[in-house]
Amino acid sequence: MNYTLGIDCGGTFIKAALFDTQGNIQALHRENVSVISEQAGYAERDMSQLWAICAESSAFNH
């Protein structure tokens, strides 16, 4: 069976979904992304963490 993987690497959450050929979700993963805020009005993300979460999110056991 063929699948399509969709990944949303957003600023708050990283979400990944595995869809079958009919568009049904076969697997779903969502994980929070830490925000580094050392000063009011500023927000940063650790790109190494973002990439690691993104890679983990796409490793479905389906």
Protein backbone atom coordinates (compact mmCIF):
# COMPACT_ATOMS: atom_id res chain seq x y z
CA MET A 1 0.00 0.00 0.00
CA ASN A 2 1.20 3.53 -0.75
CA TYR A 3 1.23 6.31 1.83
CA THR A 4 1.76 10.05 1.86
CA LEU A 5 3.57 11.77 4.73
CA GLY A 6 2.61 15.31 5.66
CA ILE A 7 4.81 17.31 8.05
CA ASP A 8 4.02 20.72 9.57
CA CYS A 9 7.12 22.19 11.23
CA GLY A 10 5.47 25.13 12.94
CA GLY A 11 6.74 27.45 15.63
CA THR A 12 4.71 25.92 18.46
CA PHE A 13 4.16 22.30 17.43
CA ILE A 14 5.56 19.89 14.90
CA LYS A 15 2.88 17.65 13.46
CA ALA A 16 3.20 14.69 11.13
CA ALA A 17 0.44 12.58 9.62
CA LEU A 18 0.58 9.48 7.47
CA PHE A 19 -2.25 9.21 4.93
CA ASP A 20 -3.36 6.26 2.83
CA THR A 21 -4.34 6.60 -0.83
CA GLN A 22 -7.94 7.32 0.19
CA GLY A 23 -6.87 10.30 2.34
CA ASN A 24 -7.49 8.56 5.66
CA ILE A 25 -5.09 9.28 8.51
CA GLN A 26 -3.22 6.08 9.37
CA ALA A 27 -0.87 7.60 11.97
CA LEU A 28 -0.52 10.98 13.64
CA HIS A 29 2.20 12.56 15.78
CA ARG A 30 2.28 15.98 17.47
CA GLU A 31 5.05 17.35 19.66
CA ASN A 32 5.62 20.68 21.38
CA VAL A 33 8.59 22.83 20.33
CA SER A 34 10.40 24.64 23.15
CA VAL A 35 10.59 28.42 22.92
CA ILE A 36 13.66 30.24 24.20
CA SER A 37 12.66 33.65 25.48
CA GLU A 38 15.38 35.56 27.30
CA GLN A 39 13.81 38.97 26.74
CA ALA A 40 10.19 40.14 26.64
CA GLY A 41 8.86 40.32 23.10
CA TYR A 42 11.48 37.92 21.69
CA ALA A 43 11.25 34.21 20.93
CA GLU A 44 13.84 31.82 19.55
CA ARG A 45 13.86 28.13 18.73
CA ASP A 46 16.73 25.68 18.94
CA MET A 47 17.09 24.54 15.31
CA SER A 48 18.87 21.32 16.37
CA GLN A 49 15.88 20.43 18.55
CA LEU A 50 13.45 21.43 15.80
CA TRP A 51 15.21 19.15 13.29
CA ALA A 52 15.42 16.25 15.78
CA ILE A 53 11.69 16.47 16.56
CA CYS A 54 10.89 16.72 12.85
CA ALA A 55 12.95 13.59 12.11
CA GLU A 56 11.40 11.67 15.03
CA SER A 57 7.90 12.71 13.97
CA SER A 58 8.35 11.12 10.56
CA ALA A 59 9.49 7.74 11.93
CA PHE A 60 6.10 6.05 12.12
CA ASN A 61 5.88 2.41 13.16
CA HIS A 62 3.06 1.60 10.79
